[in-house]
Amino acid sequence: MASPTTSLPEIPGGTANWDYRYAWVRDSSFVLGALQQAMCADEAKRYFGWLAGAALDGDPDRDTQVLFGCDGERLLHEVELDHLEGFGGARPVRIGNGAFAQRQLDVYGHILEAGKSYVDVDDYDERLQRFLCQSASRAAHRWHLPDSGIWEVRSEQQHYSSSKLMCWVALDRACELAGRLGPEADPATWRRERNAIARVLNAEAWDPRRARFGSIV
């Protein structure tokens, strides 16, 4: 879980009181990397298996869901409990988290980065192959779309350089792993879209005056 709490205010007296009693794909990928670095191979294998089981789905037209209940629950509709107050009187108290329905494109890069480091722990079973291929293919077909970003903004979706960069990471790692990913691997498409992302970021996000990447307008 990201946290065992709900409605702990980010700012005292504010309304950013979210329910964090869920597992985020992004955070889970970091945990997986930590387990591998700690030489906890069995735990890493079971954890990656849980993540794949929760996130893998059969709908090619959908985005990968970005957070789940700890038993793999998918429907996490957000409800405000007006009769309760949180820490320090924080309101509203919420259960559920509406971010479960957001598009967050960076998760594909985190998944494939975790998959790349996982190869040193064990070979991929069929489910992990499908999960990694699905993540890479979704990055290839969705990187050009706006999303809610790592900040999970609840206003209109935007084009974030960080999201597109992580799609590049997903496709770059998928190309490296293609020989291990079974019959669904599509390295030609992944390579083409990876290169397209690089061209867009260099053309539209690079700020030569400041010598850094910024937002895509």
N, C-alpha and C. Protein backbone atom coordinates (compact mmCIF):
# COMPACT_ATOMS: atom_id res chain seq x y z
N MET A 1 0.84 -1.19 0.00
CA MET A 1 0.00 0.00 0.00
C MET A 1 0.88 1.24 0.00
N ALA A 2 0.40 2.28 -0.67
CA ALA A 2 1.12 3.55 -0.62
C ALA A 2 1.14 4.08 0.81
N SER A 3 0.05 3.89 1.55
CA SER A 3 -0.04 4.35 2.93
C SER A 3 -1.20 3.60 3.60
N PRO A 4 -1.12 3.37 4.91
CA PRO A 4 -2.25 2.74 5.61
C PRO A 4 -3.33 3.73 6.03
N THR A 5 -3.28 4.95 5.49
CA THR A 5 -4.20 5.99 5.96
C THR A 5 -5.07 6.52 4.83
N THR A 6 -6.19 7.11 5.23
CA THR A 6 -6.98 7.93 4.32
C THR A 6 -7.26 9.26 4.99
N SER A 7 -7.36 10.31 4.18
CA SER A 7 -7.74 11.65 4.63
C SER A 7 -6.75 12.25 5.61
N LEU A 8 -5.49 11.88 5.48
CA LEU A 8 -4.42 12.61 6.17
C LEU A 8 -4.06 13.79 5.28
N PRO A 9 -4.27 15.02 5.73
CA PRO A 9 -4.17 16.17 4.82
C PRO A 9 -2.74 16.42 4.35
N GLU A 10 -2.60 16.70 3.05
CA GLU A 10 -1.30 17.12 2.53
C GLU A 10 -0.91 18.48 3.10
N ILE A 11 -1.89 19.37 3.23
CA ILE A 11 -1.69 20.69 3.83
C ILE A 11 -2.76 20.86 4.90
N PRO A 12 -2.38 21.15 6.16
CA PRO A 12 -3.39 21.32 7.21
C PRO A 12 -4.45 22.34 6.81
N GLY A 13 -5.69 21.95 6.96
CA GLY A 13 -6.79 22.83 6.62
C GLY A 13 -7.19 22.78 5.17
N GLY A 14 -6.43 22.02 4.34
CA GLY A 14 -6.74 21.92 2.92
C GLY A 14 -7.70 20.78 2.63
N THR A 15 -8.01 20.61 1.37
CA THR A 15 -8.97 19.57 0.96
C THR A 15 -8.29 18.41 0.25
N ALA A 16 -6.95 18.43 0.14
CA ALA A 16 -6.24 17.33 -0.52
C ALA A 16 -6.03 16.19 0.49
N ASN A 17 -7.14 15.54 0.80
CA ASN A 17 -7.16 14.48 1.80
C ASN A 17 -7.53 13.18 1.09
N TRP A 18 -6.53 12.48 0.58
CA TRP A 18 -6.80 11.36 -0.31
C TRP A 18 -6.69 10.02 0.39
N ASP A 19 -7.31 9.05 -0.20
CA ASP A 19 -7.26 7.67 0.30
C ASP A 19 -6.10 6.97 -0.39
N TYR A 20 -5.05 6.67 0.35
CA TYR A 20 -3.85 6.06 -0.22
C TYR A 20 -3.70 4.59 0.18
N ARG A 21 -4.77 3.94 0.56
CA ARG A 21 -4.67 2.55 1.02
C ARG A 21 -4.73 1.57 -0.16
N TYR A 22 -3.95 1.90 -1.19
CA TYR A 22 -3.96 1.11 -2.42
C TYR A 22 -2.54 0.92 -2.92
N ALA A 23 -2.41 0.05 -3.89
CA ALA A 23 -1.11 -0.23 -4.49
C ALA A 23 -1.05 0.43 -5.87
N TRP A 24 -0.15 1.37 -6.04
CA TRP A 24 0.06 2.05 -7.32
C TRP A 24 1.07 1.25 -8.14
N VAL A 25 0.82 1.14 -9.45
CA VAL A 25 1.76 0.44 -10.32
C VAL A 25 3.14 1.08 -10.26
N ARG A 26 3.19 2.39 -10.28
CA ARG A 26 4.47 3.11 -10.24
C ARG A 26 5.23 2.75 -8.96
N ASP A 27 4.58 2.86 -7.82
CA ASP A 27 5.22 2.55 -6.55
C ASP A 27 5.62 1.08 -6.49
N SER A 28 4.74 0.22 -7.00
CA SER A 28 5.03 -1.21 -6.96
C SER A 28 6.27 -1.55 -7.76
N SER A 29 6.49 -0.85 -8.87
CA SER A 29 7.69 -1.07 -9.66
C SER A 29 8.93 -0.68 -8.88
N PHE A 30 8.85 0.40 -8.09
CA PHE A 30 9.98 0.79 -7.25
C PHE A 30 10.23 -0.26 -6.17
N VAL A 31 9.15 -0.77 -5.58
CA VAL A 31 9.29 -1.80 -4.55
C VAL A 31 9.95 -3.04 -5.13
N LEU A 32 9.54 -3.41 -6.33
CA LEU A 32 10.13 -4.57 -6.98
C LEU A 32 11.63 -4.39 -7.17
N GLY A 33 12.04 -3.20 -7.60
CA GLY A 33 13.46 -2.93 -7.75
C GLY A 33 14.20 -3.02 -6.42
N ALA A 34 13.57 -2.52 -5.35
CA ALA A 34 14.19 -2.57 -4.03
C ALA A 34 14.35 -4.01 -3.56
N LEU A 35 13.35 -4.85 -3.80
CA LEU A 35 13.45 -6.25 -3.42
C LEU A 35 14.58 -6.94 -4.16
N GLN A 36 14.72 -6.63 -5.43
CA GLN A 36 15.79 -7.25 -6.21
C GLN A 36 17.16 -6.81 -5.72
N GLN A 37 17.32 -5.52 -5.42
CA GLN A 37 18.60 -5.03 -4.93
C GLN A 37 18.92 -5.61 -3.56
N ALA A 38 17.89 -5.93 -2.79
CA ALA A 38 18.09 -6.52 -1.46
C ALA A 38 18.29 -8.03 -1.53
N MET A 39 18.39 -8.57 -2.75
CA MET A 39 18.61 -10.00 -2.97
C MET A 39 17.45 -10.84 -2.44
N CYS A 40 16.26 -10.28 -2.50
CA CYS A 40 15.05 -11.02 -2.07
C CYS A 40 14.38 -11.57 -3.33
N ALA A 41 15.01 -12.56 -3.94
CA ALA A 41 14.55 -13.05 -5.24
C ALA A 41 13.16 -13.67 -5.16
N ASP A 42 12.89 -14.45 -4.14
CA ASP A 42 11.58 -15.10 -4.03
C ASP A 42 10.48 -14.07 -3.84
N GLU A 43 10.75 -13.08 -2.98
CA GLU A 43 9.76 -12.03 -2.75
C GLU A 43 9.52 -11.21 -4.01
N ALA A 44 10.60 -10.91 -4.74
CA ALA A 44 10.47 -10.16 -5.99
C ALA A 44 9.63 -10.93 -6.99
N LYS A 45 9.87 -12.23 -7.08
CA LYS A 45 9.11 -13.06 -8.03
C LYS A 45 7.63 -13.06 -7.69
N ARG A 46 7.31 -13.22 -6.41
CA ARG A 46 5.89 -13.24 -6.01
C ARG A 46 5.26 -11.87 -6.21
N TYR A 47 6.03 -10.82 -5.92
CA TYR A 47 5.48 -9.46 -6.03
C TYR A 47 5.21 -9.11 -7.49
N PHE A 48 6.14 -9.46 -8.36
CA PHE A 48 5.94 -9.18 -9.78
C PHE A 48 4.77 -9.99 -10.32
N GLY A 49 4.63 -11.22 -9.83
CA GLY A 49 3.48 -12.02 -10.23
C GLY A 49 2.17 -11.39 -9.79
N TRP A 50 2.15 -10.81 -8.58
CA TRP A 50 0.93 -10.14 -8.11
C TRP A 50 0.62 -8.93 -8.99
N LEU A 51 1.65 -8.15 -9.29
CA LEU A 51 1.45 -6.94 -10.09
C LEU A 51 0.92 -7.30 -11.48
N ALA A 52 1.51 -8.31 -12.10
CA ALA A 52 1.04 -8.73 -13.42
C ALA A 52 -0.39 -9.24 -13.36
N GLY A 53 -0.71 -10.01 -12.32
CA GLY A 53 -2.07 -10.53 -12.19
C GLY A 53 -3.10 -9.44 -12.00
N ALA A 54 -2.73 -8.38 -11.28
CA ALA A 54 -3.67 -7.29 -11.04
C ALA A 54 -3.84 -6.42 -12.28
N ALA A 55 -2.74 -6.12 -12.97
CA ALA A 55 -2.77 -5.11 -14.03
C ALA A 55 -3.06 -5.66 -15.42
N LEU A 56 -2.76 -6.93 -15.67
CA LEU A 56 -2.97 -7.49 -17.00
C LEU A 56 -4.46 -7.60 -17.29
N ASP A 57 -4.87 -7.19 -18.48
CA ASP A 57 -6.27 -7.31 -18.86
C ASP A 57 -6.36 -7.68 -20.33
N GLY A 58 -7.55 -8.00 -20.78
CA GLY A 58 -7.72 -8.50 -22.14
C GLY A 58 -8.29 -7.50 -23.12
N ASP A 59 -8.34 -6.22 -22.76
CA ASP A 59 -8.93 -5.22 -23.62
C ASP A 59 -7.82 -4.40 -24.28
N PRO A 60 -7.56 -4.59 -25.58
CA PRO A 60 -6.46 -3.88 -26.22
C PRO A 60 -6.67 -2.38 -26.35
N ASP A 61 -7.90 -1.90 -26.14
CA ASP A 61 -8.19 -0.49 -26.35
C ASP A 61 -8.19 0.33 -25.06
N ARG A 62 -7.83 -0.27 -23.95
CA ARG A 62 -7.88 0.47 -22.69
C ARG A 62 -6.47 0.80 -22.22
N ASP A 63 -6.40 1.76 -21.29
CA ASP A 63 -5.14 2.07 -20.63
C ASP A 63 -4.94 1.10 -19.47
N THR A 64 -3.71 0.87 -19.12
CA THR A 64 -3.43 0.06 -17.94
C THR A 64 -3.85 0.82 -16.70
N GLN A 65 -4.63 0.18 -15.84
CA GLN A 65 -5.06 0.82 -14.61
C GLN A 65 -3.84 1.08 -13.73
N VAL A 66 -3.84 2.21 -13.01
CA VAL A 66 -2.62 2.65 -12.33
C VAL A 66 -2.61 2.34 -10.84
N LEU A 67 -3.73 1.94 -10.26
CA LEU A 67 -3.72 1.53 -8.86
C LEU A 67 -4.79 0.48 -8.63
N PHE A 68 -4.56 -0.32 -7.59
CA PHE A 68 -5.43 -1.45 -7.29
C PHE A 68 -5.58 -1.61 -5.79
N GLY A 69 -6.67 -2.26 -5.39
CA GLY A 69 -6.77 -2.71 -4.02
C GLY A 69 -5.76 -3.82 -3.78
N CYS A 70 -5.46 -4.07 -2.53
CA CYS A 70 -4.41 -5.03 -2.22
C CYS A 70 -4.81 -6.47 -2.52
N ASP A 71 -6.08 -6.71 -2.78
CA ASP A 71 -6.52 -8.01 -3.28
C ASP A 71 -6.78 -7.96 -4.77
N GLY A 72 -6.28 -6.91 -5.42
CA GLY A 72 -6.44 -6.78 -6.86
C GLY A 72 -7.73 -6.09 -7.28
N GLU A 73 -8.45 -5.47 -6.35
CA GLU A 73 -9.70 -4.80 -6.70
C GLU A 73 -9.45 -3.69 -7.72
N ARG A 74 -10.35 -3.57 -8.67
CA ARG A 74 -10.21 -2.59 -9.75
C ARG A 74 -11.15 -1.39 -9.60
N LEU A 75 -12.34 -1.60 -9.10
CA LEU A 75 -13.32 -0.52 -9.02
C LEU A 75 -13.15 0.19 -7.68
N LEU A 76 -12.53 1.35 -7.71
CA LEU A 76 -12.16 2.08 -6.50
C LEU A 76 -12.83 3.45 -6.48
N HIS A 77 -14.11 3.46 -6.78
CA HIS A 77 -14.84 4.73 -6.89
C HIS A 77 -14.73 5.53 -5.59
N GLU A 78 -14.56 6.83 -5.77
CA GLU A 78 -14.30 7.73 -4.65
C GLU A 78 -15.61 8.22 -4.05
N VAL A 79 -15.68 8.16 -2.72
CA VAL A 79 -16.87 8.60 -1.99
C VAL A 79 -16.43 9.52 -0.85
N GLU A 80 -17.15 10.61 -0.64
CA GLU A 80 -16.87 11.51 0.47
C GLU A 80 -17.83 11.20 1.62
N LEU A 81 -17.27 11.06 2.82
CA LEU A 81 -18.06 10.74 4.02
C LEU A 81 -18.21 12.02 4.84
N ASP A 82 -19.30 12.72 4.61
CA ASP A 82 -19.49 14.04 5.20
C ASP A 82 -19.67 14.00 6.72
N HIS A 83 -20.02 12.83 7.26
CA HIS A 83 -20.28 12.75 8.70
C HIS A 83 -19.01 12.48 9.51
N LEU A 84 -17.86 12.39 8.82
CA LEU A 84 -16.60 12.13 9.50
C LEU A 84 -15.61 13.26 9.23
N GLU A 85 -14.58 13.33 10.08
CA GLU A 85 -13.48 14.24 9.83
C GLU A 85 -12.18 13.49 10.01
N GLY A 86 -11.15 13.93 9.26
CA GLY A 86 -9.85 13.28 9.33
C GLY A 86 -8.96 13.93 10.35
N PHE A 87 -7.67 13.64 10.24
CA PHE A 87 -6.69 14.16 11.19
C PHE A 87 -6.72 15.68 11.24
N GLY A 88 -6.76 16.21 12.45
CA GLY A 88 -6.78 17.66 12.62
C GLY A 88 -8.03 18.31 12.09
N GLY A 89 -9.11 17.54 11.97
CA GLY A 89 -10.36 18.07 11.46
C GLY A 89 -10.44 18.13 9.95
N ALA A 90 -9.53 17.48 9.27
CA ALA A 90 -9.48 17.54 7.81
C ALA A 90 -10.78 17.06 7.19
N ARG A 91 -11.23 17.78 6.20
CA ARG A 91 -12.42 17.40 5.43
C ARG A 91 -12.17 17.73 3.96
N PRO A 92 -12.77 16.98 3.06
CA PRO A 92 -13.64 15.84 3.32
C PRO A 92 -12.84 14.55 3.58
N VAL A 93 -13.45 13.63 4.29
CA VAL A 93 -12.90 12.28 4.43
C VAL A 93 -13.32 11.49 3.20
N ARG A 94 -12.37 10.82 2.60
CA ARG A 94 -12.65 10.08 1.37
C ARG A 94 -12.30 8.61 1.53
N ILE A 95 -13.09 7.76 0.90
CA ILE A 95 -12.70 6.37 0.68
C ILE A 95 -12.78 6.13 -0.82
N GLY A 96 -11.87 5.30 -1.30
CA GLY A 96 -11.73 5.14 -2.74
C GLY A 96 -10.84 6.22 -3.30
N ASN A 97 -10.40 6.04 -4.54
CA ASN A 97 -9.52 7.03 -5.15
C ASN A 97 -9.81 7.09 -6.65
N GLY A 98 -10.33 8.24 -7.08
CA GLY A 98 -10.74 8.41 -8.46
C GLY A 98 -9.61 8.33 -9.46
N ALA A 99 -8.36 8.35 -9.00
CA ALA A 99 -7.22 8.24 -9.92
C ALA A 99 -7.18 6.88 -10.60
N PHE A 100 -7.94 5.91 -10.08
CA PHE A 100 -7.91 4.59 -10.71
C PHE A 100 -8.39 4.64 -12.16
N ALA A 101 -9.17 5.66 -12.52
CA ALA A 101 -9.70 5.77 -13.87
C ALA A 101 -8.86 6.67 -14.77
N GLN A 102 -7.75 7.19 -14.27
CA GLN A 102 -6.93 8.12 -15.05
C GLN A 102 -6.00 7.38 -16.01
N ARG A 103 -5.61 8.10 -17.06
CA ARG A 103 -4.50 7.66 -17.92
C ARG A 103 -3.22 8.28 -17.37
N GLN A 104 -2.26 7.43 -17.01
CA GLN A 104 -0.95 7.90 -16.56
C GLN A 104 0.10 7.12 -17.36
N LEU A 105 0.61 7.74 -18.39
CA LEU A 105 1.44 7.05 -19.36
C LEU A 105 2.80 6.64 -18.82
N ASP A 106 3.26 7.29 -17.77
CA ASP A 106 4.60 6.97 -17.26
C ASP A 106 4.70 5.56 -16.70
N VAL A 107 3.55 4.95 -16.32
CA VAL A 107 3.62 3.64 -15.67
C VAL A 107 4.26 2.59 -16.58
N TYR A 108 4.12 2.75 -17.89
CA TYR A 108 4.68 1.75 -18.80
C TYR A 108 6.20 1.71 -18.69
N GLY A 109 6.82 2.87 -18.55
CA GLY A 109 8.26 2.89 -18.39
C GLY A 109 8.71 2.25 -17.09
N HIS A 110 7.97 2.51 -16.01
CA HIS A 110 8.33 1.91 -14.73
C HIS A 110 8.19 0.38 -14.79
N ILE A 111 7.14 -0.09 -15.44
CA ILE A 111 6.94 -1.54 -15.54
C ILE A 111 8.09 -2.20 -16.31
N LEU A 112 8.44 -1.64 -17.47
CA LEU A 112 9.49 -2.26 -18.28
C LEU A 112 10.86 -2.09 -17.65
N GLU A 113 11.10 -1.01 -16.94
CA GLU A 113 12.37 -0.86 -16.24
C GLU A 113 12.49 -1.93 -15.15
N ALA A 114 11.39 -2.16 -14.43
CA ALA A 114 11.40 -3.23 -13.44
C ALA A 114 11.60 -4.58 -14.11
N GLY A 115 10.97 -4.77 -15.27
CA GLY A 115 11.13 -6.02 -15.98
C GLY A 115 12.55 -6.26 -16.44
N LYS A 116 13.23 -5.20 -16.83
CA LYS A 116 14.62 -5.33 -17.28
C LYS A 116 15.52 -5.77 -16.14
N SER A 117 15.33 -5.21 -14.96
CA SER A 117 16.15 -5.63 -13.82
C SER A 117 15.75 -7.02 -13.32
N TYR A 118 14.51 -7.38 -13.54
CA TYR A 118 14.00 -8.68 -13.07
C TYR A 118 14.65 -9.83 -13.83
N VAL A 119 15.13 -9.59 -15.03
CA VAL A 119 15.69 -10.67 -15.84
C VAL A 119 16.88 -11.32 -15.14
N ASP A 120 17.53 -10.60 -14.27
CA ASP A 120 18.64 -11.17 -13.53
C ASP A 120 18.19 -12.07 -12.39
N VAL A 121 16.90 -12.00 -12.05
CA VAL A 121 16.37 -12.81 -10.95
C VAL A 121 15.82 -14.12 -11.47
N ASP A 122 15.09 -14.08 -12.53
CA ASP A 122 14.42 -15.29 -13.03
C ASP A 122 13.98 -15.03 -14.46
N ASP A 123 13.67 -16.10 -15.17
CA ASP A 123 13.07 -15.95 -16.49
C ASP A 123 11.61 -15.59 -16.34
N TYR A 124 11.04 -15.06 -17.42
CA TYR A 124 9.64 -14.66 -17.39
C TYR A 124 8.74 -15.86 -17.69
N ASP A 125 7.69 -16.01 -16.89
CA ASP A 125 6.69 -16.99 -17.26
C ASP A 125 5.75 -16.36 -18.29
N GLU A 126 4.78 -17.13 -18.77
CA GLU A 126 3.93 -16.65 -19.86
C GLU A 126 3.15 -15.40 -19.45
N ARG A 127 2.67 -15.36 -18.22
CA ARG A 127 1.89 -14.19 -17.79
C ARG A 127 2.76 -12.93 -17.76
N LEU A 128 3.98 -13.04 -17.27
CA LEU A 128 4.86 -11.88 -17.26
C LEU A 128 5.24 -11.46 -18.67
N GLN A 129 5.43 -12.41 -19.56
CA GLN A 129 5.69 -12.06 -20.95
C GLN A 129 4.53 -11.24 -21.51
N ARG A 130 3.31 -11.70 -21.29
CA ARG A 130 2.15 -11.00 -21.81
C ARG A 130 2.02 -9.62 -21.18
N PHE A 131 2.29 -9.51 -19.89
CA PHE A 131 2.18 -8.24 -19.18
C PHE A 131 3.18 -7.23 -19.72
N LEU A 132 4.42 -7.65 -19.92
CA LEU A 132 5.44 -6.74 -20.42
C LEU A 132 5.17 -6.37 -21.87
N CYS A 133 4.72 -7.32 -22.67
CA CYS A 133 4.38 -7.00 -24.07
C CYS A 133 3.19 -6.05 -24.14
N GLN A 134 2.18 -6.29 -23.31
CA GLN A 134 1.03 -5.40 -23.29
C GLN A 134 1.44 -3.99 -22.89
N SER A 135 2.29 -3.87 -21.89
CA SER A 135 2.74 -2.55 -21.43
C SER A 135 3.51 -1.83 -22.52
N ALA A 136 4.40 -2.55 -23.21
CA ALA A 136 5.17 -1.94 -24.28
C ALA A 136 4.28 -1.52 -25.44
N SER A 137 3.36 -2.38 -25.82
CA SER A 137 2.48 -2.06 -26.95
C SER A 137 1.56 -0.89 -26.64
N ARG A 138 1.11 -0.79 -25.41
CA ARG A 138 0.28 0.35 -25.03
C ARG A 138 1.10 1.63 -25.03
N ALA A 139 2.34 1.56 -24.59
CA ALA A 139 3.21 2.74 -24.69
C ALA A 139 3.38 3.15 -26.15
N ALA A 140 3.53 2.17 -27.03
CA ALA A 140 3.75 2.47 -28.45
C ALA A 140 2.54 3.12 -29.09
N HIS A 141 1.34 2.75 -28.64
CA HIS A 141 0.12 3.25 -29.27
C HIS A 141 -0.50 4.44 -28.55
N ARG A 142 0.01 4.79 -27.36
CA ARG A 142 -0.64 5.85 -26.57
C ARG A 142 0.28 7.01 -26.22
N TRP A 143 1.56 6.92 -26.51
CA TRP A 143 2.49 7.94 -26.03
C TRP A 143 2.14 9.34 -26.51
N HIS A 144 1.45 9.44 -27.64
CA HIS A 144 1.13 10.76 -28.22
C HIS A 144 -0.11 11.38 -27.58
N LEU A 145 -0.78 10.67 -26.67
CA LEU A 145 -2.02 11.17 -26.06
C LEU A 145 -1.71 12.02 -24.83
N PRO A 146 -2.60 12.93 -24.48
CA PRO A 146 -2.46 13.64 -23.20
C PRO A 146 -2.80 12.69 -22.05
N ASP A 147 -2.32 13.03 -20.86
CA ASP A 147 -2.62 12.17 -19.70
C ASP A 147 -2.66 13.03 -18.44
N SER A 148 -2.83 12.38 -17.30
CA SER A 148 -2.92 13.09 -16.02
C SER A 148 -1.57 13.25 -15.35
N GLY A 149 -0.54 12.64 -15.90
CA GLY A 149 0.80 12.82 -15.38
C GLY A 149 1.04 12.16 -14.03
N ILE A 150 2.27 12.26 -13.56
CA ILE A 150 2.63 11.65 -12.28
C ILE A 150 1.97 12.38 -11.12
N TRP A 151 1.47 13.60 -11.37
CA TRP A 151 0.82 14.39 -10.31
C TRP A 151 -0.66 14.06 -10.18
N GLU A 152 -1.17 13.21 -11.08
CA GLU A 152 -2.57 12.78 -11.04
C GLU A 152 -3.52 13.97 -11.01
N VAL A 153 -3.25 14.94 -11.87
CA VAL A 153 -4.07 16.15 -11.89
C VAL A 153 -5.51 15.79 -12.26
N ARG A 154 -6.43 16.47 -11.65
CA ARG A 154 -7.85 16.16 -11.86
C ARG A 154 -8.51 17.15 -12.81
N SER A 155 -7.72 18.04 -13.36
CA SER A 155 -8.22 18.94 -14.39
C SER A 155 -8.04 18.26 -15.75
N GLU A 156 -8.14 19.01 -16.81
CA GLU A 156 -8.03 18.45 -18.15
C GLU A 156 -6.66 17.81 -18.37
N GLN A 157 -6.64 16.67 -19.05
CA GLN A 157 -5.39 16.01 -19.35
C GLN A 157 -4.51 16.88 -20.24
N GLN A 158 -3.19 16.73 -20.09
CA GLN A 158 -2.23 17.54 -20.82
C GLN A 158 -1.13 16.64 -21.40
N HIS A 159 -0.28 17.26 -22.22
CA HIS A 159 0.90 16.58 -22.74
C HIS A 159 2.07 16.87 -21.81
N TYR A 160 2.59 15.83 -21.17
CA TYR A 160 3.71 15.98 -20.24
C TYR A 160 4.96 15.33 -20.84
N SER A 161 6.05 16.07 -20.84
CA SER A 161 7.31 15.51 -21.34
C SER A 161 7.71 14.28 -20.53
N SER A 162 7.50 14.34 -19.23
CA SER A 162 7.90 13.21 -18.38
C SER A 162 7.14 11.95 -18.74
N SER A 163 5.87 12.07 -19.09
CA SER A 163 5.08 10.90 -19.47
C SER A 163 5.60 10.30 -20.77
N LYS A 164 5.91 11.16 -21.74
CA LYS A 164 6.40 10.66 -23.02
C LYS A 164 7.80 10.07 -22.87
N LEU A 165 8.60 10.69 -22.01
CA LEU A 165 9.93 10.14 -21.77
C LEU A 165 9.84 8.73 -21.19
N MET A 166 8.92 8.50 -20.26
CA MET A 166 8.80 7.17 -19.68
C MET A 166 8.23 6.17 -20.68
N CYS A 167 7.45 6.63 -21.64
CA CYS A 167 7.06 5.73 -22.74
C CYS A 167 8.28 5.36 -23.57
N TRP A 168 9.18 6.31 -23.78
CA TRP A 168 10.45 6.00 -24.46
C TRP A 168 11.21 4.94 -23.68
N VAL A 169 11.27 5.10 -22.35
CA VAL A 169 11.95 4.10 -21.52
C VAL A 169 11.30 2.72 -21.70
N ALA A 170 9.97 2.69 -21.69
CA ALA A 170 9.27 1.42 -21.86
C ALA A 170 9.66 0.74 -23.16
N LEU A 171 9.67 1.50 -24.24
CA LEU A 171 9.95 0.91 -25.54
C LEU A 171 11.43 0.56 -25.70
N ASP A 172 12.29 1.37 -25.13
CA ASP A 172 13.72 1.06 -25.19
C ASP A 172 14.02 -0.24 -24.45
N ARG A 173 13.46 -0.40 -23.26
CA ARG A 173 13.70 -1.63 -22.49
C ARG A 173 13.03 -2.82 -23.16
N ALA A 174 11.86 -2.60 -23.75
CA ALA A 174 11.17 -3.70 -24.44
C ALA A 174 11.99 -4.19 -25.63
N CYS A 175 12.62 -3.27 -26.35
CA CYS A 175 13.48 -3.69 -27.46
C CYS A 175 14.64 -4.55 -26.97
N GLU A 176 15.21 -4.18 -25.83
CA GLU A 176 16.30 -4.97 -25.27
C GLU A 176 15.84 -6.36 -24.86
N LEU A 177 14.60 -6.46 -24.37
CA LEU A 177 14.09 -7.71 -23.82
C LEU A 177 13.34 -8.55 -24.84
N ALA A 178 13.16 -8.06 -26.05
CA ALA A 178 12.24 -8.68 -27.01
C ALA A 178 12.47 -10.18 -27.18
N GLY A 179 13.72 -10.60 -27.16
CA GLY A 179 14.01 -12.01 -27.36
C GLY A 179 13.54 -12.90 -26.24
N ARG A 180 13.18 -12.32 -25.10
CA ARG A 180 12.71 -13.08 -23.95
C ARG A 180 11.20 -12.98 -23.74
N LEU A 181 10.52 -12.23 -24.59
CA LEU A 181 9.12 -11.89 -24.31
C LEU A 181 8.11 -12.71 -25.08
N GLY A 182 8.54 -13.73 -25.77
CA GLY A 182 7.59 -14.64 -26.39
C GLY A 182 6.99 -14.15 -27.68
N PRO A 183 5.93 -14.82 -28.15
CA PRO A 183 5.38 -14.56 -29.49
C PRO A 183 4.69 -13.21 -29.65
N GLU A 184 4.32 -12.54 -28.57
CA GLU A 184 3.64 -11.26 -28.69
C GLU A 184 4.60 -10.08 -28.83
N ALA A 185 5.88 -10.34 -28.73
CA ALA A 185 6.87 -9.27 -28.85
C ALA A 185 6.81 -8.66 -30.26
N ASP A 186 6.93 -7.34 -30.31
CA ASP A 186 6.84 -6.62 -31.58
C ASP A 186 7.96 -5.57 -31.63
N PRO A 187 9.21 -6.01 -31.68
CA PRO A 187 10.31 -5.05 -31.57
C PRO A 187 10.37 -4.04 -32.70
N ALA A 188 9.89 -4.40 -33.89
CA ALA A 188 9.93 -3.44 -35.00
C ALA A 188 9.06 -2.23 -34.69
N THR A 189 7.84 -2.46 -34.21
CA THR A 189 6.95 -1.36 -33.83
C THR A 189 7.52 -0.60 -32.65
N TRP A 190 8.01 -1.32 -31.66
CA TRP A 190 8.55 -0.67 -30.46
C TRP A 190 9.72 0.23 -30.83
N ARG A 191 10.58 -0.23 -31.71
CA ARG A 191 11.75 0.56 -32.09
C ARG A 191 11.31 1.80 -32.86
N ARG A 192 10.35 1.64 -33.75
CA ARG A 192 9.88 2.77 -34.56
C ARG A 192 9.27 3.86 -33.67
N GLU A 193 8.42 3.45 -32.72
CA GLU A 193 7.76 4.43 -31.86
C GLU A 193 8.72 5.03 -30.84
N ARG A 194 9.67 4.24 -30.38
CA ARG A 194 10.71 4.79 -29.49
C ARG A 194 11.44 5.93 -30.17
N ASN A 195 11.82 5.74 -31.43
CA ASN A 195 12.53 6.78 -32.17
C ASN A 195 11.64 7.99 -32.44
N ALA A 196 10.35 7.73 -32.65
CA ALA A 196 9.41 8.85 -32.88
C ALA A 196 9.29 9.70 -31.62
N ILE A 197 9.25 9.08 -30.46
CA ILE A 197 9.17 9.83 -29.20
C ILE A 197 10.41 10.72 -29.05
N ALA A 198 11.56 10.16 -29.34
CA ALA A 198 12.80 10.94 -29.21
C ALA A 198 12.75 12.16 -30.12
N ARG A 199 12.26 12.00 -31.34
CA ARG A 199 12.19 13.15 -32.26
C ARG A 199 11.26 14.22 -31.72
N VAL A 200 10.11 13.82 -31.17
CA VAL A 200 9.15 14.79 -30.64
C VAL A 200 9.72 15.52 -29.44
N LEU A 201 10.33 14.79 -28.52
CA LEU A 201 10.89 15.44 -27.33
C LEU A 201 12.00 16.42 -27.72
N ASN A 202 12.85 16.02 -28.64
CA ASN A 202 13.94 16.92 -29.04
C ASN A 202 13.43 18.14 -29.79
N ALA A 203 12.34 17.96 -30.55
CA ALA A 203 11.83 19.07 -31.36
C ALA A 203 10.91 19.99 -30.56
N GLU A 204 10.13 19.43 -29.63
CA GLU A 204 9.06 20.21 -29.01
C GLU A 204 9.27 20.47 -27.52
N ALA A 205 10.14 19.73 -26.87
CA ALA A 205 10.30 19.90 -25.42
C ALA A 205 11.66 20.48 -25.03
N TRP A 206 12.64 20.40 -25.93
CA TRP A 206 13.97 20.92 -25.60
C TRP A 206 13.98 22.43 -25.65
N ASP A 207 14.47 23.04 -24.57
CA ASP A 207 14.58 24.49 -24.47
C ASP A 207 16.06 24.86 -24.62
N PRO A 208 16.50 25.29 -25.82
CA PRO A 208 17.93 25.55 -26.02
C PRO A 208 18.43 26.74 -25.19
N ARG A 209 17.54 27.67 -24.87
CA ARG A 209 17.97 28.83 -24.09
C ARG A 209 18.37 28.43 -22.68
N ARG A 210 17.59 27.53 -22.10
CA ARG A 210 17.88 27.08 -20.74
C ARG A 210 18.66 25.76 -20.71
N ALA A 211 18.84 25.17 -21.87
CA ALA A 211 19.56 23.89 -21.98
C ALA A 211 18.93 22.82 -21.11
N ARG A 212 17.63 22.67 -21.25
CA ARG A 212 16.93 21.63 -20.50
C ARG A 212 15.63 21.30 -21.23
N PHE A 213 15.06 20.15 -20.85
CA PHE A 213 13.75 19.79 -21.36
C PHE A 213 12.66 20.44 -20.51
N GLY A 214 11.60 20.87 -21.17
CA GLY A 214 10.47 21.45 -20.46
C GLY A 214 9.18 20.79 -20.91
N SER A 215 8.12 21.49 -20.72
CA SER A 215 6.81 20.94 -21.09
C SER A 215 6.60 21.00 -22.60
N ILE A 216 5.84 20.06 -23.09
CA ILE A 216 5.43 20.07 -24.49
C ILE A 216 4.20 20.96 -24.61
N VAL A 217 4.24 21.90 -25.49
CA VAL A 217 3.11 22.83 -25.68
C VAL A 217 2.27 22.35 -26.85
